[in-house]
PDB file of N, CA and C in Angstrom:
ATOM      1  N   MET A   1     -32.746  -9.993  28.420  1.00  0.00           N
ATOM      2  CA  MET A   1     -33.087 -10.048  27.145  1.00  0.00           C
ATOM      3  C   MET A   1     -32.107  -9.121  26.124  1.00  0.00           C
ATOM      4  N   GLN A   2     -31.779  -7.958  26.658  1.00  0.00           N
ATOM      5  CA  GLN A   2     -31.009  -7.308  25.548  1.00  0.00           C
ATOM      6  C   GLN A   2     -29.310  -7.861  25.290  1.00  0.00           C
ATOM      7  N   ASP A   3     -29.015  -8.494  26.432  1.00  0.00           N
ATOM      8  CA  ASP A   3     -27.773  -9.021  26.615  1.00  0.00           C
ATOM      9  C   ASP A   3     -27.703 -10.597  25.757  1.00  0.00           C
ATOM     10  N   ASP A   4     -28.906 -10.948  25.243  1.00  0.00           N
ATOM     11  CA  ASP A   4     -28.928 -12.135  24.241  1.00  0.00           C
ATOM     12  C   ASP A   4     -29.066 -11.820  23.274  1.00  0.00           C
ATOM     13  N   GLU A   5     -29.631 -10.603  22.747  1.00  0.00           N
ATOM     14  CA  GLU A   5     -29.541 -10.097  21.622  1.00  0.00           C
ATOM     15  C   GLU A   5     -28.347  -9.488  20.892  1.00  0.00           C
ATOM     16  N   TYR A   6     -27.557  -9.072  21.842  1.00  0.00           N
ATOM     17  CA  TYR A   6     -26.292  -8.454  21.993  1.00  0.00           C
ATOM     18  C   TYR A   6     -25.361  -9.560  21.476  1.00  0.00           C
ATOM     19  N   GLU A   7     -25.356 -10.688  22.534  1.00  0.00           N
ATOM     20  CA  GLU A   7     -24.324 -11.997  22.136  1.00  0.00           C
ATOM     21  C   GLU A   7     -24.681 -12.582  20.793  1.00  0.00           C
ATOM     22  N   ARG A   8     -25.907 -12.586  20.521  1.00  0.00           N
ATOM     23  CA  ARG A   8     -26.328 -13.412  19.008  1.00  0.00           C
ATOM     24  C   ARG A   8     -25.589 -12.351  17.904  1.00  0.00           C
ATOM     25  N   ALA A   9     -25.930 -11.060  18.258  1.00  0.00           N
ATOM     26  CA  ALA A   9     -25.524 -10.058  17.050  1.00  0.00           C
ATOM     27  C   ALA A   9     -23.878 -10.330  17.023  1.00  0.00           C
ATOM     28  N   ARG A  10     -23.211 -10.473  18.104  1.00  0.00           N
ATOM     29  CA  ARG A  10     -21.685 -10.248  18.343  1.00  0.00           C
ATOM     30  C   ARG A  10     -21.398 -11.408  17.668  1.00  0.00           C
ATOM     31  N   LYS A  11     -22.003 -12.659  17.818  1.00  0.00           N
ATOM     32  CA  LYS A  11     -21.606 -14.091  17.438  1.00  0.00           C
ATOM     33  C   LYS A  11     -21.810 -14.117  15.835  1.00  0.00           C
ATOM     34  N   ARG A  12     -22.728 -13.530  15.476  1.00  0.00           N
ATOM     35  CA  ARG A  12     -23.213 -13.510  13.938  1.00  0.00           C
ATOM     36  C   ARG A  12     -22.083 -12.301  13.061  1.00  0.00           C
ATOM     37  N   VAL A  13     -21.653 -11.363  13.919  1.00  0.00           N
ATOM     38  CA  VAL A  13     -20.684 -10.476  13.215  1.00  0.00           C
ATOM     39  C   VAL A  13     -19.113 -11.296  13.444  1.00  0.00           C
ATOM     40  N   ASP A  14     -19.021 -12.246  14.361  1.00  0.00           N
ATOM     41  CA  ASP A  14     -17.625 -12.836  14.618  1.00  0.00           C
ATOM     42  C   ASP A  14     -17.522 -14.016  13.210  1.00  0.00           C
ATOM     43  N   GLU A  15     -18.640 -14.548  13.018  1.00  0.00           N
ATOM     44  CA  GLU A  15     -18.997 -15.671  12.071  1.00  0.00           C
ATOM     45  C   GLU A  15     -18.378 -14.864  10.657  1.00  0.00           C
ATOM     46  N   LEU A  16     -19.095 -14.111  10.559  1.00  0.00           N
ATOM     47  CA  LEU A  16     -18.988 -13.165   9.042  1.00  0.00           C
ATOM     48  C   LEU A  16     -17.599 -12.613   8.957  1.00  0.00           C
ATOM     49  N   LYS A  17     -17.032 -12.137   9.951  1.00  0.00           N
ATOM     50  CA  LYS A  17     -15.711 -11.868  10.007  1.00  0.00           C
ATOM     51  C   LYS A  17     -14.606 -12.734   9.677  1.00  0.00           C
ATOM     52  N   GLY A  18     -14.882 -13.969  10.296  1.00  0.00           N
ATOM     53  CA  GLY A  18     -14.315 -15.346   9.957  1.00  0.00           C
ATOM     54  C   GLY A  18     -14.049 -15.485   8.471  1.00  0.00           C
ATOM     55  N   PHE A  19     -15.742 -15.719   8.225  1.00  0.00           N
ATOM     56  CA  PHE A  19     -15.879 -16.250   6.696  1.00  0.00           C
ATOM     57  C   PHE A  19     -14.773 -15.066   5.543  1.00  0.00           C
ATOM     58  N   TYR A  20     -15.335 -13.537   5.834  1.00  0.00           N
ATOM     59  CA  TYR A  20     -14.176 -13.015   4.814  1.00  0.00           C
ATOM     60  C   TYR A  20     -12.793 -13.039   4.995  1.00  0.00           C
ATOM     61  N   ILE A  21     -12.566 -13.420   6.510  1.00  0.00           N
ATOM     62  CA  ILE A  21     -10.795 -13.489   6.320  1.00  0.00           C
ATOM     63  C   ILE A  21     -10.779 -14.708   5.637  1.00  0.00           C
ATOM     64  N   HIS A  22     -11.326 -15.902   5.766  1.00  0.00           N
ATOM     65  CA  HIS A  22     -10.720 -17.031   4.846  1.00  0.00           C
ATOM     66  C   HIS A  22     -11.230 -16.802   3.344  1.00  0.00           C
ATOM     67  N   LEU A  23     -12.199 -15.958   3.247  1.00  0.00           N
ATOM     68  CA  LEU A  23     -12.230 -15.672   1.818  1.00  0.00           C
ATOM     69  C   LEU A  23     -10.932 -15.102   1.294  1.00  0.00           C
ATOM     70  N   SER A  24     -10.521 -14.173   2.004  1.00  0.00           N
ATOM     71  CA  SER A  24      -9.489 -13.143   1.475  1.00  0.00           C
ATOM     72  C   SER A  24      -8.544 -14.143   1.317  1.00  0.00           C
ATOM     73  N   VAL A  25      -8.015 -14.797   2.382  1.00  0.00           N
ATOM     74  CA  VAL A  25      -6.933 -15.874   2.558  1.00  0.00           C
ATOM     75  C   VAL A  25      -7.327 -16.922   1.149  1.00  0.00           C
ATOM     76  N   PHE A  26      -8.249 -17.189   0.640  1.00  0.00           N
ATOM     77  CA  PHE A  26      -8.188 -18.010  -0.391  1.00  0.00           C
ATOM     78  C   PHE A  26      -8.156 -17.583  -1.467  1.00  0.00           C
ATOM     79  N   VAL A  27      -8.534 -16.204  -1.848  1.00  0.00           N
ATOM     80  CA  VAL A  27      -8.088 -15.441  -3.011  1.00  0.00           C
ATOM     81  C   VAL A  27      -6.616 -15.193  -3.078  1.00  0.00           C
ATOM     82  N   MET A  28      -6.277 -14.894  -2.043  1.00  0.00           N
ATOM     83  CA  MET A  28      -4.637 -14.473  -2.280  1.00  0.00           C
ATOM     84  C   MET A  28      -3.681 -15.524  -2.354  1.00  0.00           C
ATOM     85  N   VAL A  29      -4.199 -16.680  -1.742  1.00  0.00           N
ATOM     86  CA  VAL A  29      -3.157 -17.966  -1.915  1.00  0.00           C
ATOM     87  C   VAL A  29      -3.705 -18.279  -3.092  1.00  0.00           C
ATOM     88  N   ASN A  30      -4.864 -18.951  -3.950  1.00  0.00           N
ATOM     89  CA  ASN A  30      -4.711 -19.269  -4.969  1.00  0.00           C
ATOM     90  C   ASN A  30      -4.347 -18.355  -6.199  1.00  0.00           C
ATOM     91  N   PHE A  31      -4.442 -16.570  -5.848  1.00  0.00           N
ATOM     92  CA  PHE A  31      -3.912 -16.029  -7.282  1.00  0.00           C
ATOM     93  C   PHE A  31      -2.261 -16.192  -7.315  1.00  0.00           C
ATOM     94  N   THR A  32      -1.662 -16.497  -5.936  1.00  0.00           N
ATOM     95  CA  THR A  32      -0.279 -16.631  -5.921  1.00  0.00           C
ATOM     96  C   THR A  32       0.063 -18.145  -6.654  1.00  0.00           C
ATOM     97  N   LEU A  33      -1.017 -19.184  -6.313  1.00  0.00           N
ATOM     98  CA  LEU A  33      -0.951 -20.442  -7.117  1.00  0.00           C
ATOM     99  C   LEU A  33      -0.769 -20.557  -8.577  1.00  0.00           C
ATOM    100  N   PHE A  34      -1.795 -19.574  -8.798  1.00  0.00           N
ATOM    101  CA  PHE A  34      -1.889 -19.220 -10.171  1.00  0.00           C
ATOM    102  C   PHE A  34      -0.618 -18.780 -10.945  1.00  0.00           C
ATOM    103  N   LEU A  35      -0.188 -17.600 -10.199  1.00  0.00           N
ATOM    104  CA  LEU A  35       1.064 -17.134 -10.975  1.00  0.00           C
ATOM    105  C   LEU A  35       2.456 -18.091 -10.708  1.00  0.00           C
ATOM    106  N   ILE A  36       2.158 -18.870  -9.860  1.00  0.00           N
ATOM    107  CA  ILE A  36       3.245 -19.883  -9.641  1.00  0.00           C
ATOM    108  C   ILE A  36       3.140 -20.723 -10.763  1.00  0.00           C
ATOM    109  N   ASN A  37       2.195 -21.447 -11.049  1.00  0.00           N
ATOM    110  CA  ASN A  37       1.749 -22.324 -12.097  1.00  0.00           C
ATOM    111  C   ASN A  37       2.146 -21.677 -13.447  1.00  0.00           C
ATOM    112  N   LEU A  38       1.448 -20.529 -13.569  1.00  0.00           N
ATOM    113  CA  LEU A  38       1.748 -19.588 -14.877  1.00  0.00           C
ATOM    114  C   LEU A  38       3.247 -19.486 -15.318  1.00  0.00           C
ATOM    115  N   LEU A  39       4.174 -19.273 -14.430  1.00  0.00           N
ATOM    116  CA  LEU A  39       5.373 -19.090 -14.532  1.00  0.00           C
ATOM    117  C   LEU A  39       6.274 -20.346 -14.597  1.00  0.00           C
ATOM    118  N   SER A  40       6.031 -21.516 -13.961  1.00  0.00           N
ATOM    119  CA  SER A  40       6.899 -22.605 -13.661  1.00  0.00           C
ATOM    120  C   SER A  40       6.576 -23.753 -14.886  1.00  0.00           C
ATOM    121  N   SER A  41       5.080 -23.726 -14.947  1.00  0.00           N
ATOM    122  CA  SER A  41       4.503 -24.805 -16.355  1.00  0.00           C
ATOM    123  C   SER A  41       3.250 -24.330 -16.738  1.00  0.00           C
ATOM    124  N   PRO A  42       3.240 -23.255 -17.900  1.00  0.00           N
ATOM    125  CA  PRO A  42       2.333 -22.788 -18.623  1.00  0.00           C
ATOM    126  C   PRO A  42       1.370 -23.709 -18.933  1.00  0.00           C
ATOM    127  N   GLY A  43       1.948 -24.794 -19.858  1.00  0.00           N
ATOM    128  CA  GLY A  43       1.011 -25.460 -20.462  1.00  0.00           C
ATOM    129  C   GLY A  43       0.257 -26.688 -19.768  1.00  0.00           C
ATOM    130  N   ILE A  44       0.725 -26.669 -18.390  1.00  0.00           N
ATOM    131  CA  ILE A  44       0.065 -27.707 -17.474  1.00  0.00           C
ATOM    132  C   ILE A  44      -0.758 -27.104 -16.323  1.00  0.00           C
ATOM    133  N   TRP A  45      -1.756 -26.739 -16.352  1.00  0.00           N
ATOM    134  CA  TRP A  45      -2.617 -26.165 -15.284  1.00  0.00           C
ATOM    135  C   TRP A  45      -3.157 -26.984 -13.980  1.00  0.00           C
ATOM    136  N   TRP A  46      -2.547 -26.801 -12.919  1.00  0.00           N
ATOM    137  CA  TRP A  46      -2.755 -27.867 -11.915  1.00  0.00           C
ATOM    138  C   TRP A  46      -3.262 -27.135 -10.671  1.00  0.00           C
ATOM    139  N   PHE A  47      -3.149 -25.653 -10.793  1.00  0.00           N
ATOM    140  CA  PHE A  47      -3.687 -24.888  -9.678  1.00  0.00           C
ATOM    141  C   PHE A  47      -5.044 -24.741  -9.320  1.00  0.00           C
ATOM    142  N   TYR A  48      -5.644 -24.952 -10.469  1.00  0.00           N
ATOM    143  CA  TYR A  48      -7.262 -25.082 -10.227  1.00  0.00           C
ATOM    144  C   TYR A  48      -7.859 -26.520  -9.242  1.00  0.00           C
ATOM    145  N   TRP A  49      -7.260 -27.370  -9.189  1.00  0.00           N
ATOM    146  CA  TRP A  49      -7.678 -28.606  -8.422  1.00  0.00           C
ATOM    147  C   TRP A  49      -7.463 -28.003  -6.974  1.00  0.00           C
ATOM    148  N   ILE A  50      -6.691 -27.317  -6.837  1.00  0.00           N
ATOM    149  CA  ILE A  50      -6.799 -26.865  -5.238  1.00  0.00           C
ATOM    150  C   ILE A  50      -7.968 -25.783  -5.090  1.00  0.00           C
ATOM    151  N   THR A  51      -8.154 -24.886  -6.321  1.00  0.00           N
ATOM    152  CA  THR A  51      -9.023 -23.568  -6.098  1.00  0.00           C
ATOM    153  C   THR A  51     -10.411 -24.464  -6.131  1.00  0.00           C
ATOM    154  N   VAL A  52     -10.617 -25.511  -6.869  1.00  0.00           N
ATOM    155  CA  VAL A  52     -11.932 -26.077  -6.846  1.00  0.00           C
ATOM    156  C   VAL A  52     -12.076 -26.757  -5.498  1.00  0.00           C
ATOM    157  N   PHE A  53     -11.189 -27.722  -4.873  1.00  0.00           N
ATOM    158  CA  PHE A  53     -11.625 -28.384  -3.743  1.00  0.00           C
ATOM    159  C   PHE A  53     -11.487 -27.302  -2.558  1.00  0.00           C
ATOM    160  N   TRP A  54     -10.733 -26.442  -2.533  1.00  0.00           N
ATOM    161  CA  TRP A  54     -10.760 -25.302  -1.418  1.00  0.00           C
ATOM    162  C   TRP A  54     -12.276 -24.523  -1.663  1.00  0.00           C
ATOM    163  N   GLY A  55     -12.420 -24.264  -2.733  1.00  0.00           N
ATOM    164  CA  GLY A  55     -13.881 -23.403  -2.735  1.00  0.00           C
ATOM    165  C   GLY A  55     -14.871 -24.212  -2.524  1.00  0.00           C
ATOM    166  N   ILE A  56     -15.019 -25.458  -2.510  1.00  0.00           N
ATOM    167  CA  ILE A  56     -16.188 -26.148  -2.131  1.00  0.00           C
ATOM    168  C   ILE A  56     -16.104 -26.274  -0.407  1.00  0.00           C
ATOM    169  N   GLY A  57     -15.047 -26.135  -0.099  1.00  0.00           N
ATOM    170  CA  GLY A  57     -14.820 -25.761   1.600  1.00  0.00           C
ATOM    171  C   GLY A  57     -15.308 -24.478   1.900  1.00  0.00           C
ATOM    172  N   VAL A  58     -15.007 -23.468   1.076  1.00  0.00           N
ATOM    173  CA  VAL A  58     -15.583 -22.353   1.658  1.00  0.00           C
ATOM    174  C   VAL A  58     -16.778 -22.147   1.403  1.00  0.00           C
ATOM    175  N   ILE A  59     -17.458 -22.680   0.371  1.00  0.00           N
ATOM    176  CA  ILE A  59     -19.052 -22.605   0.177  1.00  0.00           C
ATOM    177  C   ILE A  59     -19.508 -23.469   1.269  1.00  0.00           C
TER     178      ILE A  59
END
């Protein structure tokens, strides 16, 4: 009984850890893309397409 509870808790922690890792990568990559977009073509904003579709995946 106690082992089942432990396994469920461990699984939940692993899922949350995976989500926060994915979210961190999402933020870092999209910030980098924003900077690249800002420096290379400031009048044409293309980075937000990646952010929107990847953001849907994160949600």
